[in-house]
All heavy atoms as atom14 arrays in JSON, in Angstrom:
{
  "sequence": "TMKVYVARDKAGCIGLYRDAPTWRWNKLGTIEDWFDGCFLTYILS",
  "atom14_mask": [
    [1, 1, 1, 1, 1, 1, 1, 0, 0, 0, 0, 0, 0, 0],
    [1, 1, 1, 1, 1, 1, 1, 1, 0, 0, 0, 0, 0, 0],
    [1, 1, 1, 1, 1, 1, 1, 1, 1, 0, 0, 0, 0, 0],
    [1, 1, 1, 1, 1, 1, 1, 0, 0, 0, 0, 0, 0, 0],
    [1, 1, 1, 1, 1, 1, 1, 1, 1, 1, 1, 1, 0, 0],
    [1, 1, 1, 1, 1, 1, 1, 0, 0, 0, 0, 0, 0, 0],
    [1, 1, 1, 1, 1, 0, 0, 0, 0, 0, 0, 0, 0, 0],
    [1, 1, 1, 1, 1, 1, 1, 1, 1, 1, 1, 0, 0, 0],
    [1, 1, 1, 1, 1, 1, 1, 1, 0, 0, 0, 0, 0, 0],
    [1, 1, 1, 1, 1, 1, 1, 1, 1, 0, 0, 0, 0, 0],
    [1, 1, 1, 1, 1, 0, 0, 0, 0, 0, 0, 0, 0, 0],
    [1, 1, 1, 1, 0, 0, 0, 0, 0, 0, 0, 0, 0, 0],
    [1, 1, 1, 1, 1, 1, 0, 0, 0, 0, 0, 0, 0, 0],
    [1, 1, 1, 1, 1, 1, 1, 1, 0, 0, 0, 0, 0, 0],
    [1, 1, 1, 1, 0, 0, 0, 0, 0, 0, 0, 0, 0, 0],
    [1, 1, 1, 1, 1, 1, 1, 1, 0, 0, 0, 0, 0, 0],
    [1, 1, 1, 1, 1, 1, 1, 1, 1, 1, 1, 1, 0, 0],
    [1, 1, 1, 1, 1, 1, 1, 1, 1, 1, 1, 0, 0, 0],
    [1, 1, 1, 1, 1, 1, 1, 1, 0, 0, 0, 0, 0, 0],
    [1, 1, 1, 1, 1, 0, 0, 0, 0, 0, 0, 0, 0, 0],
    [1, 1, 1, 1, 1, 1, 1, 0, 0, 0, 0, 0, 0, 0],
    [1, 1, 1, 1, 1, 1, 1, 0, 0, 0, 0, 0, 0, 0],
    [1, 1, 1, 1, 1, 1, 1, 1, 1, 1, 1, 1, 1, 1],
    [1, 1, 1, 1, 1, 1, 1, 1, 1, 1, 1, 0, 0, 0],
    [1, 1, 1, 1, 1, 1, 1, 1, 1, 1, 1, 1, 1, 1],
    [1, 1, 1, 1, 1, 1, 1, 1, 0, 0, 0, 0, 0, 0],
    [1, 1, 1, 1, 1, 1, 1, 1, 1, 0, 0, 0, 0, 0],
    [1, 1, 1, 1, 1, 1, 1, 1, 0, 0, 0, 0, 0, 0],
    [1, 1, 1, 1, 0, 0, 0, 0, 0, 0, 0, 0, 0, 0],
    [1, 1, 1, 1, 1, 1, 1, 0, 0, 0, 0, 0, 0, 0],
    [1, 1, 1, 1, 1, 1, 1, 1, 0, 0, 0, 0, 0, 0],
    [1, 1, 1, 1, 1, 1, 1, 1, 1, 0, 0, 0, 0, 0],
    [1, 1, 1, 1, 1, 1, 1, 1, 0, 0, 0, 0, 0, 0],
    [1, 1, 1, 1, 1, 1, 1, 1, 1, 1, 1, 1, 1, 1],
    [1, 1, 1, 1, 1, 1, 1, 1, 1, 1, 1, 0, 0, 0],
    [1, 1, 1, 1, 1, 1, 1, 1, 0, 0, 0, 0, 0, 0],
    [1, 1, 1, 1, 0, 0, 0, 0, 0, 0, 0, 0, 0, 0],
    [1, 1, 1, 1, 1, 1, 0, 0, 0, 0, 0, 0, 0, 0],
    [1, 1, 1, 1, 1, 1, 1, 1, 1, 1, 1, 0, 0, 0],
    [1, 1, 1, 1, 1, 1, 1, 1, 0, 0, 0, 0, 0, 0],
    [1, 1, 1, 1, 1, 1, 1, 0, 0, 0, 0, 0, 0, 0],
    [1, 1, 1, 1, 1, 1, 1, 1, 1, 1, 1, 1, 0, 0],
    [1, 1, 1, 1, 1, 1, 1, 1, 0, 0, 0, 0, 0, 0],
    [1, 1, 1, 1, 1, 1, 1, 1, 0, 0, 0, 0, 0, 0],
    [1, 1, 1, 1, 1, 1, 0, 0, 0, 0, 0, 0, 0, 0]
  ],
  "atom14_positions": [
    [[213.65, -64.87, -71.31], [213.51, -65.74, -72.47], [212.97, -64.92, -73.63], [212.3, -63.91, -73.44], [212.58, -66.93, -72.19], [211.3, -66.44, -71.81], [213.14, -67.82, -71.1], [0.0, 0.0, 0.0], [0.0, 0.0, 0.0], [0.0, 0.0, 0.0], [0.0, 0.0, 0.0], [0.0, 0.0, 0.0], [0.0, 0.0, 0.0], [0.0, 0.0, 0.0]],
    [[213.28, -65.38, -74.82], [212.91, -64.66, -76.02], [212.55, -65.68, -77.09], [213.3, -66.63, -77.31], [214.11, -63.81, -76.46], [213.93, -63.01, -77.67], [215.49, -62.08, -77.9], [215.13, -61.3, -79.43], [0.0, 0.0, 0.0], [0.0, 0.0, 0.0], [0.0, 0.0, 0.0], [0.0, 0.0, 0.0], [0.0, 0.0, 0.0], [0.0, 0.0, 0.0]],
    [[211.41, -65.51, -77.75], [211.03, -66.38, -78.85], [211.56, -65.79, -80.15], [211.32, -64.62, -80.44], [209.53, -66.57, -78.91], [209.02, -67.38, -77.75], [207.56, -67.7, -77.89], [207.15, -68.53, -76.67], [205.77, -68.96, -76.75], [0.0, 0.0, 0.0], [0.0, 0.0, 0.0], [0.0, 0.0, 0.0], [0.0, 0.0, 0.0], [0.0, 0.0, 0.0]],
    [[212.33, -66.61, -80.88], [212.92, -66.19, -82.14], [212.75, -67.34, -83.14], [212.22, -68.4, -82.8], [214.41, -65.83, -81.98], [214.59, -64.61, -81.1], [215.2, -67.0, -81.43], [0.0, 0.0, 0.0], [0.0, 0.0, 0.0], [0.0, 0.0, 0.0], [0.0, 0.0, 0.0], [0.0, 0.0, 0.0], [0.0, 0.0, 0.0], [0.0, 0.0, 0.0]],
    [[213.23, -67.13, -84.35], [213.14, -68.16, -85.39], [214.54, -68.53, -85.85], [215.42, -67.67, -85.94], [212.34, -67.64, -86.58], [210.87, -67.52, -86.28], [210.37, -66.38, -85.65], [209.99, -68.54, -86.59], [209.03, -66.27, -85.36], [208.64, -68.44, -86.3], [208.17, -67.3, -85.68], [206.84, -67.19, -85.38], [0.0, 0.0, 0.0], [0.0, 0.0, 0.0]],
    [[214.72, -69.81, -86.14], [215.94, -70.28, -86.76], [215.58, -70.81, -88.15], [214.51, -71.38, -88.34], [216.66, -71.38, -85.94], [217.2, -70.81, -84.64], [215.75, -72.55, -85.66], [0.0, 0.0, 0.0], [0.0, 0.0, 0.0], [0.0, 0.0, 0.0], [0.0, 0.0, 0.0], [0.0, 0.0, 0.0], [0.0, 0.0, 0.0], [0.0, 0.0, 0.0]],
    [[216.46, -70.57, -89.11], [216.23, -71.05, -90.47], [217.57, -71.41, -91.1], [218.53, -70.64, -91.01], [215.53, -69.99, -91.31], [0.0, 0.0, 0.0], [0.0, 0.0, 0.0], [0.0, 0.0, 0.0], [0.0, 0.0, 0.0], [0.0, 0.0, 0.0], [0.0, 0.0, 0.0], [0.0, 0.0, 0.0], [0.0, 0.0, 0.0], [0.0, 0.0, 0.0]],
    [[217.63, -72.59, -91.7], [218.85, -73.03, -92.39], [218.75, -72.6, -93.85], [217.75, -72.82, -94.51], [218.99, -74.54, -92.29], [220.32, -75.05, -92.84], [220.45, -76.55, -92.67], [220.46, -76.96, -91.29], [221.53, -77.05, -90.51], [222.71, -76.73, -91.0], [221.43, -77.45, -89.25], [0.0, 0.0, 0.0], [0.0, 0.0, 0.0], [0.0, 0.0, 0.0]],
    [[219.83, -72.0, -94.35], [219.83, -71.59, -95.75], [220.33, -72.73, -96.63], [220.71, -73.8, -96.14], [220.61, -70.29, -95.97], [222.09, -70.4, -95.64], [222.62, -71.54, -95.6], [222.73, -69.36, -95.44], [0.0, 0.0, 0.0], [0.0, 0.0, 0.0], [0.0, 0.0, 0.0], [0.0, 0.0, 0.0], [0.0, 0.0, 0.0], [0.0, 0.0, 0.0]],
    [[220.35, -72.51, -97.94], [220.76, -73.56, -98.87], [222.22, -73.97, -98.66], [222.59, -75.09, -98.96], [220.55, -73.1, -100.3], [219.11, -73.14, -100.72], [219.0, -72.81, -102.19], [217.63, -73.16, -102.72], [217.54, -72.93, -104.15], [0.0, 0.0, 0.0], [0.0, 0.0, 0.0], [0.0, 0.0, 0.0], [0.0, 0.0, 0.0], [0.0, 0.0, 0.0]],
    [[223.04, -73.08, -98.15], [224.46, -73.39, -97.9], [224.66, -74.16, -96.61], [225.76, -74.61, -96.31], [225.27, -72.11, -97.88], [0.0, 0.0, 0.0], [0.0, 0.0, 0.0], [0.0, 0.0, 0.0], [0.0, 0.0, 0.0], [0.0, 0.0, 0.0], [0.0, 0.0, 0.0], [0.0, 0.0, 0.0], [0.0, 0.0, 0.0], [0.0, 0.0, 0.0]],
    [[223.59, -74.31, -95.79], [223.69, -75.05, -94.54], [223.88, -74.2, -93.31], [223.97, -74.72, -92.2], [0.0, 0.0, 0.0], [0.0, 0.0, 0.0], [0.0, 0.0, 0.0], [0.0, 0.0, 0.0], [0.0, 0.0, 0.0], [0.0, 0.0, 0.0], [0.0, 0.0, 0.0], [0.0, 0.0, 0.0], [0.0, 0.0, 0.0], [0.0, 0.0, 0.0]],
    [[223.96, -72.89, -93.48], [224.15, -71.98, -92.33], [222.81, -71.72, -91.66], [221.77, -71.65, -92.31], [224.74, -70.66, -92.79], [226.35, -70.84, -93.57], [0.0, 0.0, 0.0], [0.0, 0.0, 0.0], [0.0, 0.0, 0.0], [0.0, 0.0, 0.0], [0.0, 0.0, 0.0], [0.0, 0.0, 0.0], [0.0, 0.0, 0.0], [0.0, 0.0, 0.0]],
    [[222.85, -71.57, -90.33], [221.64, -71.28, -89.55], [221.63, -69.8, -89.18], [222.58, -69.28, -88.6], [221.6, -72.12, -88.25], [221.55, -73.6, -88.57], [220.44, -71.69, -87.37], [220.19, -74.17, -88.82], [0.0, 0.0, 0.0], [0.0, 0.0, 0.0], [0.0, 0.0, 0.0], [0.0, 0.0, 0.0], [0.0, 0.0, 0.0], [0.0, 0.0, 0.0]],
    [[220.54, -69.15, -89.54], [220.35, -67.75, -89.17], [219.33, -67.63, -88.06], [218.41, -68.44, -87.95], [0.0, 0.0, 0.0], [0.0, 0.0, 0.0], [0.0, 0.0, 0.0], [0.0, 0.0, 0.0], [0.0, 0.0, 0.0], [0.0, 0.0, 0.0], [0.0, 0.0, 0.0], [0.0, 0.0, 0.0], [0.0, 0.0, 0.0], [0.0, 0.0, 0.0]],
    [[219.5, -66.63, -87.24], [218.58, -66.33, -86.14], [217.81, -65.07, -86.53], [218.42, -64.07, -86.93], [219.39, -66.1, -84.87], [218.68, -66.02, -83.54], [218.05, -67.37, -83.18], [219.66, -65.62, -82.45], [0.0, 0.0, 0.0], [0.0, 0.0, 0.0], [0.0, 0.0, 0.0], [0.0, 0.0, 0.0], [0.0, 0.0, 0.0], [0.0, 0.0, 0.0]],
    [[216.49, -65.13, -86.42], [215.62, -64.03, -86.86], [214.65, -63.65, -85.76], [214.14, -64.52, -85.05], [214.81, -64.45, -88.09], [215.65, -64.81, -89.28], [216.19, -66.08, -89.41], [215.9, -63.89, -90.27], [216.97, -66.43, -90.5], [216.67, -64.21, -91.38], [217.21, -65.49, -91.48], [217.97, -65.82, -92.56], [0.0, 0.0, 0.0], [0.0, 0.0, 0.0]],
    [[214.35, -62.37, -85.65], [213.38, -61.9, -84.66], [211.97, -62.35, -85.03], [211.19, -62.76, -84.18], [213.43, -60.38, -84.52], [212.55, -59.88, -83.36], [212.48, -58.38, -83.31], [211.75, -57.93, -84.49], [211.84, -56.73, -85.01], [212.64, -55.85, -84.48], [211.15, -56.39, -86.07], [0.0, 0.0, 0.0], [0.0, 0.0, 0.0], [0.0, 0.0, 0.0]],
    [[211.61, -62.25, -86.3], [210.31, -62.67, -86.81], [210.53, -63.75, -87.85], [211.64, -63.93, -88.35], [209.59, -61.48, -87.44], [209.41, -60.33, -86.45], [208.87, -60.58, -85.35], [209.81, -59.2, -86.77], [0.0, 0.0, 0.0], [0.0, 0.0, 0.0], [0.0, 0.0, 0.0], [0.0, 0.0, 0.0], [0.0, 0.0, 0.0], [0.0, 0.0, 0.0]],
    [[209.47, -64.45, -88.22], [209.58, -65.53, -89.19], [210.05, -64.98, -90.54], [209.4, -64.11, -91.12], [208.24, -66.24, -89.35], [0.0, 0.0, 0.0], [0.0, 0.0, 0.0], [0.0, 0.0, 0.0], [0.0, 0.0, 0.0], [0.0, 0.0, 0.0], [0.0, 0.0, 0.0], [0.0, 0.0, 0.0], [0.0, 0.0, 0.0], [0.0, 0.0, 0.0]],
    [[211.19, -65.47, -91.06], [211.65, -65.02, -92.37], [210.81, -65.66, -93.47], [210.13, -66.67, -93.25], [213.09, -65.53, -92.42], [213.1, -66.74, -91.56], [212.11, -66.44, -90.46], [0.0, 0.0, 0.0], [0.0, 0.0, 0.0], [0.0, 0.0, 0.0], [0.0, 0.0, 0.0], [0.0, 0.0, 0.0], [0.0, 0.0, 0.0], [0.0, 0.0, 0.0]],
    [[210.85, -65.06, -94.63], [210.14, -65.6, -95.79], [211.16, -65.93, -96.87], [212.31, -65.51, -96.8], [209.1, -64.6, -96.33], [209.76, -63.37, -96.61], [208.01, -64.34, -95.31], [0.0, 0.0, 0.0], [0.0, 0.0, 0.0], [0.0, 0.0, 0.0], [0.0, 0.0, 0.0], [0.0, 0.0, 0.0], [0.0, 0.0, 0.0], [0.0, 0.0, 0.0]],
    [[210.72, -66.64, -97.88], [211.61, -67.03, -98.96], [211.7, -65.93, -99.99], [210.74, -65.25, -100.27], [211.09, -68.27, -99.66], [210.83, -69.42, -98.78], [210.57, -69.42, -97.44], [210.78, -70.78, -99.18], [210.36, -70.67, -97.0], [210.48, -71.54, -98.05], [210.94, -71.42, -100.38], [210.35, -72.91, -98.09], [210.81, -72.8, -100.42], [210.54, -73.52, -99.28]],
    [[212.86, -65.78, -100.55], [213.06, -64.84, -101.65], [213.17, -65.67, -102.93], [213.91, -66.64, -102.98], [214.34, -64.03, -101.46], [214.58, -63.06, -102.57], [215.86, -62.28, -102.44], [216.58, -62.54, -101.22], [217.5, -61.77, -100.72], [217.83, -60.67, -101.33], [218.12, -62.07, -99.61], [0.0, 0.0, 0.0], [0.0, 0.0, 0.0], [0.0, 0.0, 0.0]],
    [[212.42, -65.3, -103.93], [212.41, -66.03, -105.2], [213.31, -65.31, -106.2], [213.33, -64.09, -106.27], [210.99, -66.1, -105.75], [210.07, -66.82, -104.81], [209.36, -66.28, -103.78], [209.78, -68.2, -104.8], [208.65, -67.24, -103.13], [208.88, -68.44, -103.74], [210.18, -69.28, -105.58], [208.38, -69.7, -103.44], [209.67, -70.53, -105.27], [208.79, -70.73, -104.22]],
    [[214.02, -66.08, -107.0], [214.83, -65.46, -108.05], [214.0, -65.33, -109.33], [212.84, -65.73, -109.37], [216.14, -66.22, -108.28], [215.93, -67.63, -108.79], [214.89, -67.96, -109.37], [216.91, -68.48, -108.58], [0.0, 0.0, 0.0], [0.0, 0.0, 0.0], [0.0, 0.0, 0.0], [0.0, 0.0, 0.0], [0.0, 0.0, 0.0], [0.0, 0.0, 0.0]],
    [[214.59, -64.8, -110.38], [213.86, -64.55, -111.63], [213.4, -65.84, -112.31], [212.5, -65.83, -113.12], [214.71, -63.73, -112.58], [214.95, -62.33, -112.08], [215.83, -61.55, -113.01], [216.1, -60.17, -112.42], [216.97, -59.38, -113.27], [0.0, 0.0, 0.0], [0.0, 0.0, 0.0], [0.0, 0.0, 0.0], [0.0, 0.0, 0.0], [0.0, 0.0, 0.0]],
    [[214.03, -66.97, -111.97], [213.65, -68.25, -112.57], [212.48, -68.91, -111.82], [212.0, -69.96, -112.22], [214.85, -69.21, -112.58], [216.07, -68.72, -113.38], [217.23, -69.69, -113.21], [215.7, -68.57, -114.85], [0.0, 0.0, 0.0], [0.0, 0.0, 0.0], [0.0, 0.0, 0.0], [0.0, 0.0, 0.0], [0.0, 0.0, 0.0], [0.0, 0.0, 0.0]],
    [[212.07, -68.29, -110.73], [210.95, -68.82, -109.97], [211.33, -69.89, -108.97], [210.48, -70.61, -108.46], [0.0, 0.0, 0.0], [0.0, 0.0, 0.0], [0.0, 0.0, 0.0], [0.0, 0.0, 0.0], [0.0, 0.0, 0.0], [0.0, 0.0, 0.0], [0.0, 0.0, 0.0], [0.0, 0.0, 0.0], [0.0, 0.0, 0.0], [0.0, 0.0, 0.0]],
    [[212.62, -69.99, -108.66], [213.06, -70.94, -107.64], [213.5, -70.17, -106.4], [213.83, -68.98, -106.47], [214.22, -71.83, -108.14], [215.3, -70.99, -108.55], [213.77, -72.69, -109.31], [0.0, 0.0, 0.0], [0.0, 0.0, 0.0], [0.0, 0.0, 0.0], [0.0, 0.0, 0.0], [0.0, 0.0, 0.0], [0.0, 0.0, 0.0], [0.0, 0.0, 0.0]],
    [[213.53, -70.86, -105.28], [213.89, -70.22, -104.01], [215.36, -69.83, -104.02], [216.22, -70.64, -104.33], [213.61, -71.17, -102.84], [212.13, -71.52, -102.79], [214.07, -70.56, -101.53], [211.82, -72.68, -101.89], [0.0, 0.0, 0.0], [0.0, 0.0, 0.0], [0.0, 0.0, 0.0], [0.0, 0.0, 0.0], [0.0, 0.0, 0.0], [0.0, 0.0, 0.0]],
    [[215.62, -68.6, -103.67], [216.99, -68.12, -103.6], [217.52, -68.24, -102.18], [218.57, -68.8, -101.95], [217.06, -66.68, -104.08], [218.45, -66.14, -104.19], [218.45, -64.76, -104.82], [217.87, -64.58, -105.89], [219.05, -63.87, -104.2], [0.0, 0.0, 0.0], [0.0, 0.0, 0.0], [0.0, 0.0, 0.0], [0.0, 0.0, 0.0], [0.0, 0.0, 0.0]],
    [[216.79, -67.7, -101.21], [217.23, -67.75, -99.83], [216.2, -67.09, -98.93], [215.17, -66.62, -99.39], [218.58, -67.04, -99.66], [219.51, -67.81, -98.73], [219.0, -68.52, -97.84], [220.73, -67.7, -98.9], [0.0, 0.0, 0.0], [0.0, 0.0, 0.0], [0.0, 0.0, 0.0], [0.0, 0.0, 0.0], [0.0, 0.0, 0.0], [0.0, 0.0, 0.0]],
    [[216.5, -67.02, -97.64], [215.63, -66.39, -96.66], [215.88, -64.89, -96.62], [217.0, -64.44, -96.82], [215.89, -66.95, -95.26], [215.61, -68.4, -95.18], [216.53, -69.41, -95.11], [214.34, -69.04, -95.15], [215.91, -70.61, -95.05], [214.55, -70.42, -95.07], [213.03, -68.58, -95.2], [213.51, -71.34, -95.03], [212.0, -69.5, -95.15], [212.25, -70.85, -95.07]],
    [[214.84, -64.13, -96.33], [215.02, -62.7, -96.12], [213.89, -62.19, -95.23], [212.98, -62.94, -94.88], [215.1, -61.93, -97.45], [213.78, -61.62, -98.09], [213.34, -60.32, -98.17], [212.99, -62.63, -98.61], [212.12, -60.03, -98.78], [211.78, -62.35, -99.22], [211.34, -61.05, -99.3], [0.0, 0.0, 0.0], [0.0, 0.0, 0.0], [0.0, 0.0, 0.0]],
    [[213.94, -60.94, -94.91], [213.01, -60.33, -93.95], [213.15, -61.01, -92.59], [214.13, -61.66, -92.33], [211.56, -60.38, -94.44], [211.25, -59.28, -95.44], [212.06, -58.35, -95.55], [210.21, -59.37, -96.09], [0.0, 0.0, 0.0], [0.0, 0.0, 0.0], [0.0, 0.0, 0.0], [0.0, 0.0, 0.0], [0.0, 0.0, 0.0], [0.0, 0.0, 0.0]],
    [[212.16, -60.87, -91.76], [212.2, -61.49, -90.45], [213.15, -60.82, -89.47], [213.32, -61.3, -88.37], [0.0, 0.0, 0.0], [0.0, 0.0, 0.0], [0.0, 0.0, 0.0], [0.0, 0.0, 0.0], [0.0, 0.0, 0.0], [0.0, 0.0, 0.0], [0.0, 0.0, 0.0], [0.0, 0.0, 0.0], [0.0, 0.0, 0.0], [0.0, 0.0, 0.0]],
    [[213.77, -59.75, -89.87], [214.75, -59.03, -89.05], [215.88, -59.97, -88.62], [215.91, -60.48, -87.5], [214.1, -58.37, -87.84], [215.24, -57.26, -86.97], [0.0, 0.0, 0.0], [0.0, 0.0, 0.0], [0.0, 0.0, 0.0], [0.0, 0.0, 0.0], [0.0, 0.0, 0.0], [0.0, 0.0, 0.0], [0.0, 0.0, 0.0], [0.0, 0.0, 0.0]],
    [[216.81, -60.21, -89.53], [217.97, -61.06, -89.28], [218.77, -60.54, -88.1], [219.06, -59.34, -88.02], [218.85, -61.1, -90.54], [220.13, -61.86, -90.35], [220.13, -63.24, -90.36], [221.32, -61.19, -90.15], [221.31, -63.95, -90.19], [222.5, -61.88, -89.97], [222.5, -63.27, -89.99], [0.0, 0.0, 0.0], [0.0, 0.0, 0.0], [0.0, 0.0, 0.0]],
    [[219.11, -61.43, -87.17], [219.89, -61.04, -86.0], [221.35, -61.44, -86.12], [222.24, -60.63, -85.96], [219.28, -61.65, -84.73], [217.84, -61.22, -84.42], [217.28, -62.04, -83.27], [217.8, -59.74, -84.11], [0.0, 0.0, 0.0], [0.0, 0.0, 0.0], [0.0, 0.0, 0.0], [0.0, 0.0, 0.0], [0.0, 0.0, 0.0], [0.0, 0.0, 0.0]],
    [[221.6, -62.73, -86.4], [222.97, -63.22, -86.48], [222.98, -64.65, -87.02], [221.93, -65.3, -87.09], [223.66, -63.18, -85.1], [225.05, -63.47, -85.25], [223.04, -64.18, -84.14], [0.0, 0.0, 0.0], [0.0, 0.0, 0.0], [0.0, 0.0, 0.0], [0.0, 0.0, 0.0], [0.0, 0.0, 0.0], [0.0, 0.0, 0.0], [0.0, 0.0, 0.0]],
    [[224.15, -65.13, -87.38], [224.32, -66.54, -87.68], [224.74, -67.25, -86.4], [225.41, -66.65, -85.56], [225.4, -66.76, -88.75], [224.93, -66.41, -90.14], [225.4, -65.28, -90.79], [224.03, -67.23, -90.81], [224.98, -64.96, -92.07], [223.59, -66.92, -92.08], [224.07, -65.79, -92.7], [223.64, -65.48, -93.96], [0.0, 0.0, 0.0], [0.0, 0.0, 0.0]],
    [[224.35, -68.5, -86.26], [224.76, -69.3, -85.11], [225.33, -70.62, -85.62], [225.14, -70.98, -86.78], [223.6, -69.54, -84.12], [222.43, -70.22, -84.83], [223.15, -68.24, -83.5], [221.29, -70.57, -83.91], [0.0, 0.0, 0.0], [0.0, 0.0, 0.0], [0.0, 0.0, 0.0], [0.0, 0.0, 0.0], [0.0, 0.0, 0.0], [0.0, 0.0, 0.0]],
    [[226.03, -71.33, -84.78], [226.62, -72.6, -85.18], [225.54, -73.57, -85.61], [224.61, -73.85, -84.85], [227.43, -73.2, -84.03], [228.69, -72.45, -83.62], [229.31, -73.08, -82.38], [229.69, -72.44, -84.77], [0.0, 0.0, 0.0], [0.0, 0.0, 0.0], [0.0, 0.0, 0.0], [0.0, 0.0, 0.0], [0.0, 0.0, 0.0], [0.0, 0.0, 0.0]],
    [[225.67, -74.09, -86.81], [224.64, -74.99, -87.33], [224.58, -76.3, -86.56], [223.56, -76.97, -86.55], [224.86, -75.24, -88.82], [226.14, -75.8, -89.04], [0.0, 0.0, 0.0], [0.0, 0.0, 0.0], [0.0, 0.0, 0.0], [0.0, 0.0, 0.0], [0.0, 0.0, 0.0], [0.0, 0.0, 0.0], [0.0, 0.0, 0.0], [0.0, 0.0, 0.0]]
  ]
}
């Protein structure tokens, strides 16, 4: 067994991450998407 993180992006896709991802902010100060966390793959939402 392996503990991982799942996170849905703004487009509705689910990403699988080794560590907890954090939010990336754009220049306007709004959330752009997830990053870091060592992205592994996308899985069926």
